[in-house]
Every structure is written in structure tokens, then in C-alpha cells.
Protein backbone atom coordinates (compact mmCIF):
# COMPACT_ATOMS: atom_id res chain seq x y z
CA MET A 1 -63.51 220.82 173.01
CA ASP A 2 -64.90 218.03 175.18
CA LYS A 3 -67.08 216.90 172.30
CA LEU A 4 -64.10 216.82 169.92
CA LEU A 5 -62.12 214.84 172.49
CA SER A 6 -65.02 212.41 172.94
CA LEU A 7 -65.32 212.03 169.16
CA TRP A 8 -61.60 211.27 168.87
CA GLN A 9 -61.67 208.76 171.74
CA GLY A 10 -64.56 206.95 170.08
CA SER A 11 -62.86 206.78 166.69
CA GLY A 12 -61.35 203.68 165.16
CA LEU A 13 -57.89 205.20 164.96
CA TYR A 14 -57.80 205.96 168.68
CA ASN A 15 -58.90 202.42 169.59
CA LEU A 16 -56.92 200.56 166.92
CA THR A 17 -54.65 197.92 168.46
CA LEU A 18 -51.53 196.46 166.87
CA GLY A 19 -53.27 193.10 166.48
CA GLN A 20 -56.19 194.67 164.63
CA ALA A 21 -53.81 196.54 162.32
CA VAL A 22 -52.00 193.27 161.55
CA MET A 23 -55.27 191.45 160.82
CA ILE A 24 -56.47 194.26 158.54
CA ALA A 25 -53.15 193.91 156.68
CA ILE A 26 -53.72 190.14 156.44
CA GLY A 27 -57.21 190.79 155.06
CA LEU A 28 -55.71 193.11 152.43
CA LEU A 29 -53.12 190.42 151.62
CA LEU A 30 -55.88 187.85 151.05
CA LEU A 31 -57.64 190.30 148.73
CA TYR A 32 -54.37 190.87 146.84
CA LEU A 33 -53.80 187.13 146.41
CA ALA A 34 -57.38 186.63 145.25
CA ILE A 35 -57.56 189.60 142.84
CA ASN A 36 -54.01 189.82 141.52
CA LYS A 37 -52.83 186.19 141.76
CA LYS A 38 -56.25 184.55 141.21
CA PHE A 39 -55.85 182.35 144.35
CA GLU A 40 -59.34 180.92 145.02
CA PRO A 41 -60.94 184.35 144.42
CA LEU A 42 -64.51 183.15 144.99
CA LEU A 43 -63.67 182.44 148.65
CA LEU A 44 -60.66 184.60 149.46
CA VAL A 45 -62.36 187.86 148.38
CA PRO A 46 -65.26 187.55 150.86
CA ILE A 47 -62.98 185.98 153.53
CA GLY A 48 -60.44 188.80 153.23
CA PHE A 49 -63.12 191.50 153.24
CA GLY A 50 -64.88 189.85 156.17
CA GLY A 51 -61.55 189.77 158.05
CA ILE A 52 -61.17 193.52 157.54
CA LEU A 53 -64.72 194.20 158.76
CA ALA A 54 -64.23 191.95 161.79
CA ASN A 55 -61.22 193.99 162.94
CA ILE A 56 -62.65 197.50 162.63
CA PRO A 57 -62.20 198.94 166.15
CA GLU A 58 -65.34 199.57 168.21
CA ALA A 59 -67.66 198.38 165.40
CA GLY A 60 -68.20 194.93 166.92
CA LEU A 61 -69.42 193.49 163.62
CA ALA A 62 -68.19 189.98 164.44
CA LEU A 63 -69.15 189.99 168.12
CA SER A 64 -72.22 188.65 169.89
CA ALA A 65 -74.31 190.93 172.09
CA ALA A 66 -72.65 189.47 175.20
CA GLU A 67 -69.14 190.02 173.81
CA GLN A 68 -69.96 193.63 172.97
CA ALA A 69 -71.40 194.16 176.44
CA ALA A 70 -68.28 192.67 178.03
CA HIS A 71 -66.22 195.23 176.11
CA LEU A 72 -68.40 198.32 176.47
CA ALA A 73 -71.01 197.91 179.20
CA LYS A 74 -71.12 199.72 182.53
CA PRO A 75 -70.34 197.86 185.80
CA MET A 76 -74.03 197.29 186.53
CA VAL A 77 -74.43 195.32 183.27
CA LEU A 78 -71.16 193.50 183.94
CA GLU A 79 -72.64 192.36 187.25
CA GLN A 80 -75.64 190.93 185.40
CA LEU A 81 -73.39 189.22 182.83
CA SER A 82 -71.29 187.67 185.59
CA ALA A 83 -74.44 186.34 187.24
CA ALA A 84 -75.71 184.92 183.91
CA LEU A 85 -72.37 183.14 183.38
CA ASP A 86 -72.08 181.94 187.00
CA LEU A 87 -68.84 183.89 187.15
CA GLY A 88 -67.61 185.25 190.46
CA ARG A 89 -65.57 188.45 190.80
CA ASP A 90 -62.50 188.85 192.97
CA ALA A 91 -62.75 192.01 195.09
CA SER A 92 -59.25 193.04 193.98
CA MET A 93 -60.15 192.78 190.28
CA ASP A 94 -60.35 196.11 188.42
CA VAL A 95 -62.92 196.77 185.68
CA ASP A 96 -60.59 195.97 182.76
CA ALA A 97 -59.63 192.62 184.30
CA TRP A 98 -63.29 191.97 184.98
CA ARG A 99 -64.18 192.62 181.34
CA GLN A 100 -61.41 190.27 180.24
CA ALA A 101 -62.60 187.55 182.61
CA ILE A 102 -66.12 187.75 181.15
CA ALA A 103 -64.75 187.68 177.57
CA ASP A 104 -62.57 184.65 178.41
CA ALA A 105 -65.59 182.88 179.91
CA LEU A 106 -67.64 183.51 176.76
CA HIS A 107 -64.85 182.03 174.61
CA GLY A 108 -64.21 179.14 176.98
CA ASP A 109 -65.81 175.75 177.36
CA ILE A 110 -69.18 176.73 178.81
CA SER A 111 -72.63 175.37 178.12
CA PRO A 112 -74.75 176.87 175.31
CA ALA A 113 -77.44 177.61 177.88
CA LEU A 114 -75.10 179.98 179.74
CA VAL A 115 -74.09 181.67 176.48
CA ARG A 116 -77.75 182.20 175.56
CA SER A 117 -78.45 183.59 179.03
CA ALA A 118 -75.53 186.04 178.70
CA ASN A 119 -76.69 187.15 175.25
CA ASP A 120 -80.25 187.68 176.50
CA THR A 121 -78.90 189.77 179.38
CA ALA A 122 -76.81 191.88 177.01
CA MET A 123 -79.70 192.38 174.60
CA ASP A 124 -81.94 193.48 177.47
CA ALA A 125 -79.26 196.09 178.23
CA GLY A 126 -79.48 197.42 174.66
CA PHE A 127 -76.66 195.53 172.93
CA ASN A 128 -77.18 193.61 169.68
CA HIS A 129 -75.39 190.90 167.71
CA GLY A 130 -72.99 192.21 165.06
CA MET A 131 -73.78 191.79 161.37
CA LEU A 132 -71.03 189.23 160.73
CA TYR A 133 -71.98 187.32 163.89
CA GLN A 134 -75.50 186.99 162.49
CA PHE A 135 -74.13 185.73 159.18
CA TYR A 136 -71.98 183.18 161.00
CA SER A 137 -74.89 181.98 163.13
CA VAL A 138 -77.12 181.40 160.11
CA ALA A 139 -74.56 180.16 157.57
CA ILE A 140 -72.00 178.14 159.54
CA ALA A 141 -73.11 177.56 163.14
CA SER A 142 -76.27 175.97 161.74
CA GLY A 143 -74.20 173.89 159.29
CA ILE A 144 -76.33 175.04 156.34
CA ALA A 145 -73.79 176.82 154.11
CA PRO A 146 -71.19 174.01 153.76
CA LEU A 147 -73.97 171.51 153.06
CA VAL A 148 -75.57 173.68 150.37
CA ILE A 149 -72.16 174.17 148.76
CA PHE A 150 -71.62 170.41 148.84
CA MET A 151 -74.93 170.02 147.01
CA GLY A 152 -73.72 172.47 144.37
CA VAL A 153 -70.41 170.65 144.04
CA GLY A 154 -72.34 167.40 143.56
CA ALA A 155 -74.39 169.03 140.80
CA MET A 156 -71.15 170.01 139.04
CA THR A 157 -69.45 166.61 139.45
CA ASP A 158 -69.27 163.94 136.76
CA PHE A 159 -68.75 160.47 138.22
CA GLY A 160 -68.15 159.05 134.73
CA PRO A 161 -64.33 158.76 135.01
CA LEU A 162 -64.64 157.02 138.39
CA LEU A 163 -67.28 154.59 137.10
CA ALA A 164 -65.23 153.90 133.97
CA ASN A 165 -62.18 153.01 136.09
CA PRO A 166 -63.35 152.03 139.60
CA ARG A 167 -59.78 151.21 140.67
CA THR A 168 -59.13 154.93 141.05
CA LEU A 169 -61.37 154.87 144.12
CA PHE A 170 -58.40 153.40 145.99
CA LEU A 171 -56.28 156.40 145.01
CA GLY A 172 -58.83 158.79 146.47
CA ALA A 173 -59.03 156.69 149.63
CA ALA A 174 -55.25 156.56 150.04
CA ALA A 175 -54.96 160.34 149.74
CA GLN A 176 -57.12 160.71 152.88
CA PHE A 177 -54.29 159.26 154.96
CA GLY A 178 -52.99 162.82 155.23
CA ILE A 179 -56.02 163.65 157.39
CA PHE A 180 -55.30 161.01 160.00
CA ALA A 181 -51.52 161.53 159.89
CA THR A 182 -52.02 165.21 160.67
CA LEU A 183 -54.41 164.38 163.50
CA LEU A 184 -51.63 162.29 165.03
CA GLY A 185 -49.16 165.11 164.38
CA ALA A 186 -51.35 167.65 166.22
CA VAL A 187 -51.72 165.25 169.15
CA GLY A 188 -47.94 164.73 169.12
CA PHE A 189 -47.26 168.49 169.20
CA THR A 190 -49.55 168.76 172.22
CA ALA A 191 -47.84 165.83 173.96
CA LEU A 192 -44.44 167.46 173.40
CA GLY A 193 -45.71 170.74 174.82
CA TRP A 194 -45.14 172.69 171.59
CA MET A 195 -48.85 173.40 171.03
CA ASP A 196 -52.03 173.03 173.01
CA PHE A 197 -54.61 171.26 170.83
CA SER A 198 -57.43 169.15 172.16
CA LEU A 199 -58.34 165.95 170.32
CA LYS A 200 -61.33 167.69 168.70
CA GLN A 201 -59.12 170.53 167.54
CA ALA A 202 -56.55 168.06 166.18
CA ALA A 203 -59.30 166.30 164.18
CA ALA A 204 -60.56 169.59 162.74
CA ILE A 205 -57.00 170.54 161.71
CA GLY A 206 -56.45 167.13 160.12
CA ILE A 207 -59.37 167.62 157.71
CA ILE A 208 -57.25 170.26 155.94
CA GLY A 209 -55.37 167.29 154.45
CA GLY A 210 -58.44 166.41 152.39
CA ALA A 211 -58.08 169.74 150.52
CA ASP A 212 -61.85 170.20 150.69
CA GLY A 213 -62.87 173.66 151.90
CA PRO A 214 -66.57 173.02 152.69
CA THR A 215 -65.71 169.81 154.57
CA SER A 216 -63.02 171.62 156.59
CA ILE A 217 -65.47 174.38 157.52
CA TYR A 218 -68.24 171.92 158.38
CA VAL A 219 -66.06 169.75 160.63
CA SER A 220 -64.36 172.68 162.37
CA SER A 221 -67.72 174.37 163.01
CA LEU A 222 -68.80 171.23 164.89
CA LEU A 223 -65.56 170.22 166.61
CA ALA A 224 -63.47 173.40 166.98
CA PRO A 225 -65.34 176.60 166.01
CA GLU A 226 -62.67 178.70 167.73
CA LEU A 227 -60.15 177.53 165.08
CA LEU A 228 -62.48 177.91 162.10
CA GLY A 229 -60.86 181.05 160.69
CA ALA A 230 -57.33 179.65 160.63
CA ILE A 231 -58.49 176.25 159.32
CA ALA A 232 -60.57 177.78 156.51
CA VAL A 233 -57.80 180.16 155.44
CA ALA A 234 -55.26 177.32 155.48
CA SER A 235 -57.57 174.97 153.56
CA TYR A 236 -58.44 177.39 150.76
CA SER A 237 -54.91 178.81 150.56
CA TYR A 238 -53.40 175.38 150.04
CA MET A 239 -56.09 174.48 147.52
CA ALA A 240 -55.05 177.57 145.55
CA LEU A 241 -51.38 176.57 145.85
CA VAL A 242 -51.89 173.06 144.42
CA PRO A 243 -49.91 173.93 141.22
CA LEU A 244 -46.95 174.92 143.41
CA ILE A 245 -47.13 172.28 146.17
CA GLN A 246 -47.86 169.09 144.25
CA PRO A 247 -45.43 168.97 141.25
CA PRO A 248 -42.22 168.70 143.35
CA ILE A 249 -43.76 165.83 145.34
CA MET A 250 -44.94 164.13 142.15
CA ARG A 251 -41.49 164.33 140.57
CA ALA A 252 -39.73 163.16 143.74
CA LEU A 253 -41.83 160.01 144.05
CA THR A 254 -41.99 158.91 140.40
CA THR A 255 -39.47 158.00 137.73
CA SER A 256 -39.40 159.53 134.26
CA LYS A 257 -40.63 156.21 132.85
CA GLU A 258 -43.61 156.12 135.22
CA ARG A 259 -44.60 159.67 134.32
CA GLN A 260 -44.82 158.66 130.65
CA ILE A 261 -47.21 155.73 131.20
CA VAL A 262 -50.08 156.01 128.73
CA MET A 263 -53.41 154.87 130.17
CA THR A 264 -56.04 153.13 128.04
CA GLN A 265 -59.13 154.95 126.81
CA LEU A 266 -61.95 155.07 129.36
CA ARG A 267 -65.07 153.06 128.52
CA PRO A 268 -68.38 154.88 127.93
CA VAL A 269 -70.58 155.08 131.04
CA SER A 270 -74.32 154.67 130.58
CA LYS A 271 -76.91 157.11 131.89
CA VAL A 272 -78.43 154.41 134.10
CA GLU A 273 -75.07 153.86 135.81
CA LYS A 274 -74.71 157.58 136.49
CA ILE A 275 -78.22 157.78 137.99
CA LEU A 276 -77.82 154.71 140.17
CA PHE A 277 -74.33 155.51 141.47
CA PRO A 278 -75.18 158.41 143.84
CA LEU A 279 -78.11 156.41 145.25
CA VAL A 280 -76.07 153.24 145.79
CA LEU A 281 -73.14 155.22 147.21
CA LEU A 282 -75.33 157.07 149.70
CA ILE A 283 -77.18 154.00 150.92
CA LEU A 284 -74.04 151.88 151.31
CA VAL A 285 -72.02 154.53 153.14
CA VAL A 286 -74.66 155.92 155.49
CA LEU A 287 -75.82 152.46 156.56
CA PHE A 288 -72.34 151.95 158.01
CA LEU A 289 -71.55 155.57 158.92
CA PRO A 290 -74.69 157.67 159.55
CA ASP A 291 -72.59 160.68 160.63
CA ALA A 292 -71.43 161.07 157.02
CA ALA A 293 -75.04 161.42 155.87
CA PRO A 294 -75.29 165.26 155.89
CA LEU A 295 -72.24 165.89 153.68
CA LEU A 296 -72.53 162.82 151.48
CA GLY A 297 -76.31 163.11 151.28
CA MET A 298 -76.24 166.64 149.90
CA PHE A 299 -73.38 165.74 147.56
CA CYS A 300 -75.25 162.74 146.14
CA PHE A 301 -78.51 164.71 145.92
CA GLY A 302 -76.81 167.40 143.85
CA ASN A 303 -75.30 164.76 141.57
CA LEU A 304 -78.64 163.01 141.15
CA MET A 305 -80.23 166.30 140.05
CA ARG A 306 -77.47 166.62 137.44
CA GLU A 307 -77.75 163.10 136.06
CA CYS A 308 -81.47 162.33 136.18
CA GLY A 309 -82.19 164.87 133.43
CA VAL A 310 -85.67 165.88 134.60
CA VAL A 311 -84.83 168.79 136.94
CA GLU A 312 -82.49 170.88 134.79
CA ARG A 313 -83.63 174.13 136.43
CA LEU A 314 -82.89 172.82 139.92
CA SER A 315 -79.52 171.48 138.80
CA ASP A 316 -78.64 174.78 137.12
CA THR A 317 -79.66 176.76 140.22
CA SER A 318 -77.55 174.52 142.45
CA GLN A 319 -74.52 174.89 140.17
CA ASN A 320 -74.78 178.65 139.74
CA ALA A 321 -77.11 181.07 141.54
CA LEU A 322 -77.52 179.15 144.81
CA ILE A 323 -73.90 178.11 145.32
CA ASN A 324 -72.69 181.63 144.44
CA THR A 325 -75.08 183.28 146.89
CA VAL A 326 -74.16 180.92 149.71
CA THR A 327 -70.45 181.34 148.95
CA ILE A 328 -70.73 185.09 149.62
CA PHE A 329 -72.17 184.59 153.10
CA LEU A 330 -69.89 181.63 153.82
CA GLY A 331 -66.81 183.70 153.02
CA LEU A 332 -67.93 186.68 155.10
CA SER A 333 -68.78 184.32 157.96
CA VAL A 334 -65.33 182.72 157.86
CA GLY A 335 -63.82 186.21 157.76
CA SER A 336 -65.68 187.04 160.97
CA LYS A 337 -63.45 184.51 162.75
CA LEU A 338 -60.26 186.36 161.78
CA ILE A 339 -60.40 188.49 164.92
CA ALA A 340 -56.96 189.58 166.12
CA ASP A 341 -57.05 188.23 169.67
CA ARG A 342 -58.11 184.77 168.43
CA PHE A 343 -56.18 184.45 165.17
CA LEU A 344 -52.78 185.87 166.12
CA SER A 345 -51.38 183.01 168.15
CA VAL A 346 -48.77 180.27 168.04
CA GLU A 347 -51.59 177.78 167.44
CA THR A 348 -52.43 179.51 164.16
CA LEU A 349 -48.88 178.99 162.93
CA GLY A 350 -49.19 175.36 164.01
CA ILE A 351 -52.40 174.99 162.01
CA LEU A 352 -50.81 176.47 158.89
CA GLY A 353 -47.77 174.21 159.27
CA LEU A 354 -49.78 171.07 159.94
CA GLY A 355 -52.10 171.93 157.05
CA ILE A 356 -49.36 171.94 154.44
CA VAL A 357 -47.91 168.72 155.91
CA ALA A 358 -51.35 167.10 155.69
CA PHE A 359 -51.68 168.19 152.08
CA ALA A 360 -48.22 166.88 151.19
CA ILE A 361 -48.85 163.52 152.90
CA GLY A 362 -52.20 163.13 151.11
CA THR A 363 -50.55 163.84 147.75
CA ALA A 364 -47.72 161.40 148.45
CA CYS A 365 -50.02 158.61 149.62
CA GLY A 366 -52.13 158.83 146.47
CA ILE A 367 -49.01 158.52 144.30
CA LEU A 368 -47.58 155.65 146.34
CA MET A 369 -50.91 153.78 146.18
CA ALA A 370 -50.82 154.04 142.36
CA LYS A 371 -47.28 152.62 142.34
CA LEU A 372 -48.40 149.79 144.62
CA MET A 373 -51.38 148.99 142.39
CA ASN A 374 -49.05 148.78 139.39
CA LEU A 375 -47.25 145.89 141.09
CA VAL A 376 -50.41 143.76 141.14
CA SER A 377 -52.30 145.07 138.10
CA LYS A 378 -51.95 144.11 134.46
CA MET A 379 -53.32 147.48 133.32
CA PRO A 380 -50.78 150.15 134.34
CA ILE A 381 -51.80 153.34 136.12
CA ASN A 382 -49.80 156.51 135.68
CA PRO A 383 -48.82 157.36 139.30
CA LEU A 384 -49.24 161.06 138.56
CA ILE A 385 -53.02 160.72 138.77
CA GLY A 386 -52.65 159.50 142.36
CA SER A 387 -51.89 163.08 143.41
CA ALA A 388 -55.42 164.01 142.32
CA GLY A 389 -56.79 161.89 145.16
CA VAL A 390 -56.89 165.02 147.31
CA SER A 391 -60.29 166.53 146.65
CA ALA A 392 -59.23 169.91 145.24
CA VAL A 393 -61.62 169.55 142.28
CA PRO A 394 -60.65 170.02 139.46
CA MET A 395 -57.35 171.79 140.18
CA ALA A 396 -55.51 168.63 141.30
CA ALA A 397 -56.61 166.74 138.17
CA ARG A 398 -55.38 169.58 135.96
CA VAL A 399 -51.99 169.55 137.70
CA SER A 400 -51.69 165.76 137.10
CA ASN A 401 -52.49 166.32 133.44
CA LYS A 402 -50.00 169.19 133.09
CA VAL A 403 -47.10 167.29 134.67
CA GLY A 404 -47.89 164.28 132.49
CA LEU A 405 -47.82 166.42 129.34
CA ASP A 406 -44.42 167.80 130.34
CA TYR A 407 -42.96 164.29 129.96
CA ASN A 408 -45.17 162.99 127.14
CA PRO A 409 -46.89 165.66 124.99
CA HIS A 410 -49.40 163.09 123.72
CA ASN A 411 -50.43 161.70 127.11
CA PHE A 412 -53.65 163.36 128.22
CA LEU A 413 -54.40 162.32 131.81
CA LEU A 414 -57.15 164.81 132.71
CA MET A 415 -60.15 162.48 132.49
CA HIS A 416 -58.20 159.65 134.14
CA ALA A 417 -57.23 161.99 136.99
CA MET A 418 -60.84 163.08 137.52
CA GLY A 419 -61.58 159.55 138.81
CA PRO A 420 -59.39 159.81 141.94
CA ASN A 421 -60.28 163.50 142.20
CA VAL A 422 -64.01 162.88 142.73
CA ALA A 423 -63.14 159.80 144.81
CA GLY A 424 -61.24 162.19 147.07
CA VAL A 425 -64.41 164.23 147.63
CA ILE A 426 -66.19 161.07 148.74
CA GLY A 427 -63.23 160.06 150.88
CA SER A 428 -63.02 163.41 152.66
CA ALA A 429 -66.76 163.28 153.45
CA VAL A 430 -66.37 159.76 154.87
CA ALA A 431 -63.31 160.84 156.90
CA ALA A 432 -65.31 163.78 158.24
CA GLY A 433 -68.08 161.39 159.26
CA VAL A 434 -65.55 159.24 161.13
CA MET A 435 -64.22 162.29 163.01
CA ILE A 436 -67.69 163.50 163.93
CA LYS A 437 -68.76 159.99 164.97
CA TYR A 438 -66.00 159.52 167.50
CA LEU A 439 -65.38 163.09 168.63
CA GLY A 440 -68.57 165.04 167.96
């Protein structure tokens, strides 16, 4: 009977908390949206599944060795962990409060050296890092996965529409205003006492406005890793909701006449131009902003492999096998951050709210910039393509094209919209470099 009781007390059902049940339900919801509604399935399937794994009671798949020891270890090991973390213990503190104090210290603002010392102590006591924690350490904490994905995105990107109409670069730049507006919004919420975001956290949240998942993950992993799960889910969810979010904004800010503007045929772009562009872009940007070099460097390298024509196998691998493999581990790693006690908070709701505001502001600014350019330009720009300045490639460009066709069945804007769309990718990488420069 004692053995049966011990088996029951060690089961997941016995140890399941309300928060874990809610997070498992959220993981199932993400899987439903990905499988049934086709919302960014390549990312939301592994993120949702990773979120379920991270919240299985007593499994500790998303926890470090020190975090598992804080939860399960005997008092003797807790003493060693407290010593490794330079954490004192109040004599009146019971064991549960002691465990919580150690867990809070591990999640707080402590030096990496102390974290390593605590993990070494826990591993000496027989505890190991969880599977998802290992994935996160290799894929995201190192910064490798977002950069490899950026290389793959570069290999899939055609800069032809941007080179054929360089003015659209301004549309992509204007759409990044949503990033900085949201940063100010997060700081304002903190000043008003509604939320509690540091400046680094506010910057990481603001990147959602660029509608670029890998950039959001990369910046949050450097500036606010504790918010990575919420930021990644918000970023990819809003990217999937582009066809729902953008059209009302596009219609509200443009007239029927503006939506019917027919743009002139794009000029042919030579192979030499396409080869030189990623090289010139990289050199010019990183000379002024070296912190943008990792993201922009991998993006330009992937594009150079595509355009140079002599490394087809490398380009094909970057576009397919490599990016798909890394996406699996990136998604599971993001899912590992959907742990109940960190995700279920008022701050998460603030992140989701600020994220959609950032996205809306970015969309609006791209449209308004196109309208402004029409005041000083002899060649009219259809303002609808300004909404593609957010870097949700190629979804935002397709939405611009679809709305344009609704008002003029013969007005195909897709290739014109790809110009600001790829400019938005460049803009979000530059904005990320600015954030990392001043706050990293």
C-alpha cells in the first residue's frame, strides 16, 4: 500500500497545479491554431508541443539542474545551493519557503558565475539539465538558431523589387516606428505603475512591432530572456494574423481612389546588381552600427549564396534542410519558456497588448509614409504597399496585393509590395542593432 501511495504521490496528476493545467491547455490551443487554422504552423507546432512538455509535472524538462535541485533536493543539498548562490537563510524559514527563495534567486538578476556554480553543485548532487533546457542553451542562449534562420531567410529573399524601386526602402524604414513607439509605451506603463518592465524588457517587447520572429527571439534572448516565451508567441501569432489585423487599418487610412492607384512596371534588375547589393548593404550598415552585424551579416550571406549562382547546393540547403531542422529546435526551445509560473502573469497580458499595438503602429506608419511620398513624387505609390513595410515576409505583401485587387481587379501589387517587405527585414535588423547597442 505504501508503494502504491508513493507511486500516486510521484505521479503527474497528483502534482499538477492549476497553472500547469492552464499552460497545457494553451499549448493545445497553439497546436489547434497551427494545425486547423494554419497559423504559422512551422513555428506554432513545435512551440505548442514544447509548451506542453515544459509543463509536465515533476518531469523538469525545461529546468536547469539547479532549478530541479531547488524543487526536489534534500535540505543538505539546499544548504550547498544557498552557499553557491551567496544566499542566506532566515532561521524562521521553512523548507518550502527556502526552496522558493532559491528558485527566485536563480530567476533573478544574478551573475552568470553564480548560476554556473549552482548548476555545478546540483549536478554533483545527481541532478541534470532537462532536455528542453539543453535545447534552449544550444539553440537560443548561444544566439545560433535565430542567426541560422536569418541566413535561410536571406537565401529565400529576392531583393529585385527593392532594387527596381529603391524608394520603397523608406516605407520599410517608416514601418519600424512601431518598434520605438512600443518601447515608449512599455516605459510609460511602468511609469504609471500598471506594469513593471525594465528598459531592456521594454526594448525586447518593442521588437514585436517589426513582425520578425527570429529578430524578436534574438533580441529578447539577449535583453530579456525571462520574457522570451511571451514575446515569441506574440510575435508569431500576430504574423499569422496579418490578414486580419492589417486590412482594417489599410482601409481606414486610405481613400478608395488611393487604393486604385496603378503603379508602373518594375524595371529589370541585373545579376551584377543583385550580387553587389548584399555586400554593399552589409558594409555600409555595419560600419555605422556593428551591433547589427550578426543578424544582417547572416541575412546578406544567405542572399549572396542565392544570387551568386555558384553555390546552389549551399543555397538550397540553407533554404530547406538547414532552416527546417533549426526551426524544430528553435520552436521547442521557445516552448520551454512557457512555464506556468513565468508565463501566467499580468506582464504577459501587457506584452500581448503592446505587441498588437506595435504591429498596428508599424502598419499605419508605412501607409502614411507612402501618402507623404506621393505629395513630393511625380510617380505615384499605392499607399497599400506601405503596410508591407512590416517584415512579415511574404504574408504582408500578399495582403497588400489582395486588398488592392478588391478595389481594382487589374492592379497587381505583389511585386511592388515585396520592395517594402524586404526593406522591413533590413529595418528590423537595424532596429535590433540599435537596441542591443544602447541596452545590451
